[in-house]
Protein backbone atom coordinates (compact mmCIF):
# COMPACT_ATOMS: atom_id res chain seq x y z
CA MET A 1 -0.11 -0.05 -0.23
CA SER A 2 1.53 3.10 -1.08
CA PHE A 3 0.28 5.00 2.35
CA LEU A 4 2.79 2.70 4.40
CA ARG A 5 5.88 4.28 2.35
CA GLY A 6 5.04 7.68 3.05
CA LEU A 7 5.84 7.90 6.85
CA GLY A 8 9.57 7.10 6.26
CA GLY A 9 9.90 10.24 3.91
CA GLN A 10 11.39 8.38 1.23
CA GLU A 11 8.64 9.32 -1.00
CA ALA A 12 5.34 11.31 -0.85
CA ALA A 13 2.70 10.06 1.43
CA ARG A 14 -0.71 8.99 0.16
CA ILE A 15 -3.44 12.04 0.38
CA LEU A 16 -6.88 11.50 1.44
CA ALA A 17 -8.81 14.27 0.26
CA GLY A 18 -12.04 15.76 1.70
CA GLU A 19 -14.13 18.75 1.72
CA GLY A 20 -11.54 21.76 2.59
CA VAL A 21 -8.98 19.31 4.07
CA ARG A 22 -6.20 16.97 3.00
CA LEU A 23 -5.13 14.30 5.12
CA ARG A 24 -1.82 12.51 5.14
CA ALA A 25 0.51 10.38 7.53
CA PRO A 26 2.98 12.64 9.42
CA ALA A 27 6.32 13.00 8.29
CA PRO A 28 9.47 14.12 10.09
CA HIS A 29 9.22 17.74 8.20
CA ASP A 30 5.91 18.19 10.28
CA HIS A 31 7.26 18.63 13.66
CA ALA A 32 7.59 22.34 13.84
CA ASP A 33 4.07 22.70 12.96
CA TRP A 34 2.97 19.97 15.01
CA ALA A 35 4.89 20.84 18.09
CA ARG A 36 3.72 24.59 17.60
CA LEU A 37 0.07 24.08 17.42
CA ARG A 38 0.10 21.45 20.20
CA GLU A 39 1.60 24.20 22.36
CA ASP A 40 -0.67 27.00 21.06
CA SER A 41 -3.52 24.59 21.85
CA ARG A 42 -2.45 23.07 25.23
CA ALA A 43 -4.91 24.33 27.40
CA PHE A 44 -7.82 23.41 24.86
CA LEU A 45 -6.52 19.80 24.47
CA GLN A 46 -5.40 18.46 27.94
CA PRO A 47 -8.71 18.29 29.19
CA TRP A 48 -9.61 15.90 26.74
CA GLU A 49 -6.32 13.65 26.49
CA PRO A 50 -3.87 11.67 28.29
CA LEU A 51 -1.44 13.24 30.60
CA TRP A 52 1.55 15.03 28.28
CA ALA A 53 4.79 13.46 28.83
CA ARG A 54 7.36 15.85 29.92
CA ASP A 55 9.14 15.73 26.28
CA GLU A 56 5.92 15.34 24.79
CA LEU A 57 6.67 17.99 21.98
CA THR A 58 10.44 17.68 21.58
CA ARG A 59 11.86 16.20 18.26
CA PRO A 60 13.21 13.05 19.80
CA ALA A 61 9.62 12.17 21.24
CA PHE A 62 8.06 13.14 17.80
CA ARG A 63 10.76 10.85 16.04
CA ARG A 64 10.04 7.91 18.38
CA ARG A 65 6.06 8.61 17.63
CA LEU A 66 6.76 8.23 14.10
CA ARG A 67 8.63 4.79 14.12
CA ARG A 68 5.84 3.61 16.54
CA TYR A 69 3.37 4.49 13.30
CA ALA A 70 5.46 3.11 11.17
CA ARG A 71 5.66 -0.56 13.48
CA GLU A 72 1.47 -0.14 13.28
CA MET A 73 0.91 0.34 9.88
CA ARG A 74 3.01 -2.22 8.44
CA ASP A 75 1.47 -4.50 11.06
CA ASP A 76 -2.16 -3.49 9.93
CA ARG A 77 -2.82 -2.16 13.78
CA ALA A 78 -3.14 1.62 13.19
CA TYR A 79 -3.39 4.26 10.45
CA PRO A 80 -2.22 7.83 11.50
CA PHE A 81 -3.14 11.08 9.71
CA PHE A 82 -2.30 14.91 10.10
CA ILE A 83 -5.24 16.81 8.89
CA PHE A 84 -4.42 19.98 6.54
CA ARG A 85 -6.65 22.52 5.40
CA ALA A 86 -6.35 22.19 1.48
CA GLU A 87 -6.52 26.00 0.52
CA ASP A 88 -2.75 26.52 2.32
CA ASP A 89 -1.79 23.25 3.63
CA ALA A 90 -1.88 24.25 7.29
CA LEU A 91 -1.82 21.83 9.69
CA VAL A 92 -5.15 21.84 11.56
CA GLY A 93 -5.17 18.86 13.71
CA GLY A 94 -4.66 14.89 13.42
CA ALA A 95 -7.23 11.67 13.65
CA THR A 96 -6.14 7.91 13.75
CA LEU A 97 -7.32 4.66 13.16
CA SER A 98 -6.21 2.76 15.52
CA ASN A 99 -6.48 -0.92 17.55
CA LEU A 100 -7.40 -2.70 14.22
CA ARG A 101 -8.78 -6.12 14.73
CA ARG A 102 -9.14 -8.76 11.89
CA GLY A 103 -10.53 -12.12 12.01
CA VAL A 104 -14.36 -12.19 12.97
CA ALA A 105 -14.27 -8.54 14.13
CA GLN A 106 -12.80 -6.37 11.29
CA THR A 107 -12.97 -3.38 13.30
CA CYS A 108 -11.05 -0.32 14.43
CA ALA A 109 -11.03 2.90 17.20
CA LEU A 110 -11.34 6.43 15.85
CA GLY A 111 -9.30 8.99 17.65
CA TYR A 112 -8.97 12.73 16.66
CA TRP A 113 -7.59 16.04 18.09
CA MET A 114 -7.83 19.97 16.58
CA GLY A 115 -5.96 22.61 17.11
CA ALA A 116 -8.05 25.42 19.18
CA PRO A 117 -7.55 27.90 16.15
CA TYR A 118 -9.08 25.51 13.91
CA ALA A 119 -12.02 24.16 16.11
CA GLY A 120 -15.55 24.57 15.12
CA ARG A 121 -14.97 25.28 11.30
CA GLY A 122 -15.89 21.91 10.02
CA TYR A 123 -12.36 20.85 9.38
CA MET A 124 -13.16 17.60 11.80
CA THR A 125 -16.40 16.61 10.57
CA ALA A 126 -14.93 16.77 6.79
CA ALA A 127 -11.66 14.33 7.90
CA VAL A 128 -13.80 11.84 9.70
CA ARG A 129 -16.03 11.58 6.41
CA VAL A 130 -12.61 10.75 5.04
CA LEU A 131 -11.46 8.32 7.57
CA VAL A 132 -14.61 6.40 7.70
CA GLY A 133 -14.51 6.13 3.66
CA PHE A 134 -11.04 4.91 3.99
CA ALA A 135 -11.98 2.26 6.83
CA PHE A 136 -14.75 0.83 5.01
CA GLY A 137 -13.24 0.99 1.60
CA GLU A 138 -9.64 0.54 1.36
CA LEU A 139 -9.66 -1.26 4.79
CA ALA A 140 -12.38 -3.49 4.23
CA LEU A 141 -13.67 -2.89 7.56
CA HIS A 142 -17.04 -3.78 9.12
CA ARG A 143 -17.13 -1.36 12.04
CA VAL A 144 -15.55 2.02 13.36
CA GLU A 145 -15.84 2.64 16.99
CA ALA A 146 -15.26 5.63 19.02
CA ALA A 147 -15.66 6.97 22.67
CA CYS A 148 -16.84 10.30 24.30
CA LEU A 149 -16.83 12.09 27.67
CA PRO A 150 -20.25 12.76 28.40
CA HIS A 151 -19.69 16.22 28.59
CA ASN A 152 -17.87 16.59 25.57
CA GLU A 153 -20.59 18.28 23.49
CA ALA A 154 -18.44 19.21 20.68
CA SER A 155 -17.36 15.89 19.92
CA ARG A 156 -20.74 13.77 20.31
CA ARG A 157 -21.94 16.40 17.90
CA LEU A 158 -19.37 15.45 15.45
CA LEU A 159 -19.76 11.79 15.74
CA GLU A 160 -23.60 11.81 15.27
CA LYS A 161 -23.26 14.15 12.39
CA ALA A 162 -20.99 11.58 10.93
CA GLY A 163 -23.38 8.79 11.06
CA PHE A 164 -22.17 7.18 14.50
CA GLN A 165 -24.77 5.84 16.92
CA VAL A 166 -24.53 5.39 20.57
CA GLU A 167 -24.24 2.23 21.88
CA GLY A 168 -23.08 2.45 25.68
CA PHE A 169 -21.82 3.44 28.49
CA ALA A 170 -18.42 2.35 29.84
CA ARG A 171 -17.24 3.12 33.46
CA ARG A 172 -13.79 4.46 34.01
CA TYR A 173 -13.09 3.63 30.45
CA LEU A 174 -9.76 5.86 29.70
CA ARG A 175 -7.54 7.46 31.77
CA ILE A 176 -8.08 11.18 30.68
CA ALA A 177 -6.23 14.20 32.07
CA GLY A 178 -4.96 11.88 34.78
CA ASP A 179 -8.22 10.55 35.84
CA TRP A 180 -10.09 7.31 35.08
CA GLN A 181 -13.15 8.72 33.37
CA ASP A 182 -16.63 7.22 32.03
CA HIS A 183 -17.15 7.50 28.32
CA VAL A 184 -19.99 7.04 26.06
CA LEU A 185 -19.16 4.67 23.12
CA PHE A 186 -20.19 5.21 19.85
CA ALA A 187 -19.79 2.94 16.49
CA ARG A 188 -20.67 2.92 12.74
CA LEU A 189 -21.10 -0.09 10.81
CA SER A 190 -20.06 -0.18 6.99
CA SER A 191 -23.93 -1.11 6.19
CA ASP A 192 -25.14 2.19 8.27
CA PRO A 193 -26.87 4.40 5.88
CA ASP A 194 -24.49 8.02 4.87
CA PRO A 195 -25.36 10.96 6.73
CA VAL A 196 -24.61 12.64 3.49
CA VAL A 197 -27.00 11.91 0.33
CA ASP A 198 -27.23 13.90 -2.88
CA GLY A 199 -24.80 16.50 -1.26
CA ARG A 200 -27.26 17.50 1.51
CA GLU A 201 -26.65 16.56 5.04
CA ALA A 202 -29.26 14.73 7.30
CA PRO A 203 -29.83 15.94 10.90
CA ALA A 204 -27.75 14.56 13.73
CA ARG A 205 -29.65 11.97 16.02
CA LEU A 206 -29.22 13.44 19.19
CA THR A 207 -29.68 10.93 21.89
CA PRO A 208 -31.29 11.70 25.38
CA VAL A 209 -27.80 11.24 26.90
CA TRP A 210 -26.39 14.78 26.30
CA ARG A 211 -29.83 16.54 27.79
CA GLY A 212 -28.74 15.10 31.31
CA GLN A 213 -31.16 12.06 31.30
CA GLY A 214 -29.30 9.73 33.46
CA VAL A 215 -27.25 7.07 31.12
CA ARG A 216 -26.20 4.55 33.10
CA PRO A 217 -23.72 1.32 32.62
CA LEU A 218 -25.22 -1.91 30.85
CA GLY A 219 -27.18 -3.94 33.10
CA GLN A 220 -28.67 -1.34 35.73
CA PRO A 221 -32.08 -0.40 35.75
CA GLY A 222 -32.84 2.44 33.45
CA GLY A 223 -29.52 2.30 31.65
CA GLN A 224 -29.09 1.46 27.96
CA LYS A 225 -32.35 0.55 26.79
CA GLU A 226 -33.68 4.18 27.80
CA ILE A 227 -31.11 5.84 25.36
CA LEU A 228 -31.55 3.85 22.02
């Protein structure tokens, strides 16, 4: 796959194009722009991410990140992308299809981050649509999963606009900002309808979980069945 060869910088990375965005694998020459955007967005990002390492933004840490990416892509376990604004090639964020499971599962997990100056402008919505198409097309996956903090309304709206559906609630699911935090679980199947038909976007299906109506873990009274 040509996409795999792009990460090492030996030839141009595969480009995925969407509405107003381009996606490609991270490369060594991206470090300065990546580190600057992440530093400028530190306060915006840290409430939604694992704790950053002390050397998080350094060039040696970035090189280690690229080597891990290369191994994961070679082994068909993850596909990382940086997201660039099409009009000027400015780096605006990143997204990854990770934890690929083949065999009877044929699924992966979607994660993403957006730089603070570019949030709320539709770039991530466009990028997620491209990645879902890549997952169901070239990667031939059956399912894409995602998880969202219950109070992250922007992320919830993004996922539901992209056709993801709420499937459950996981207690203390991921360690975010130093604490094990609950997450709402989303998924989209390859057989699910596309939310964009004939160039028109269908309204997002907003579930009661986002209106404070008490999502509970599976198996507890008043839990999962009430929100689907």
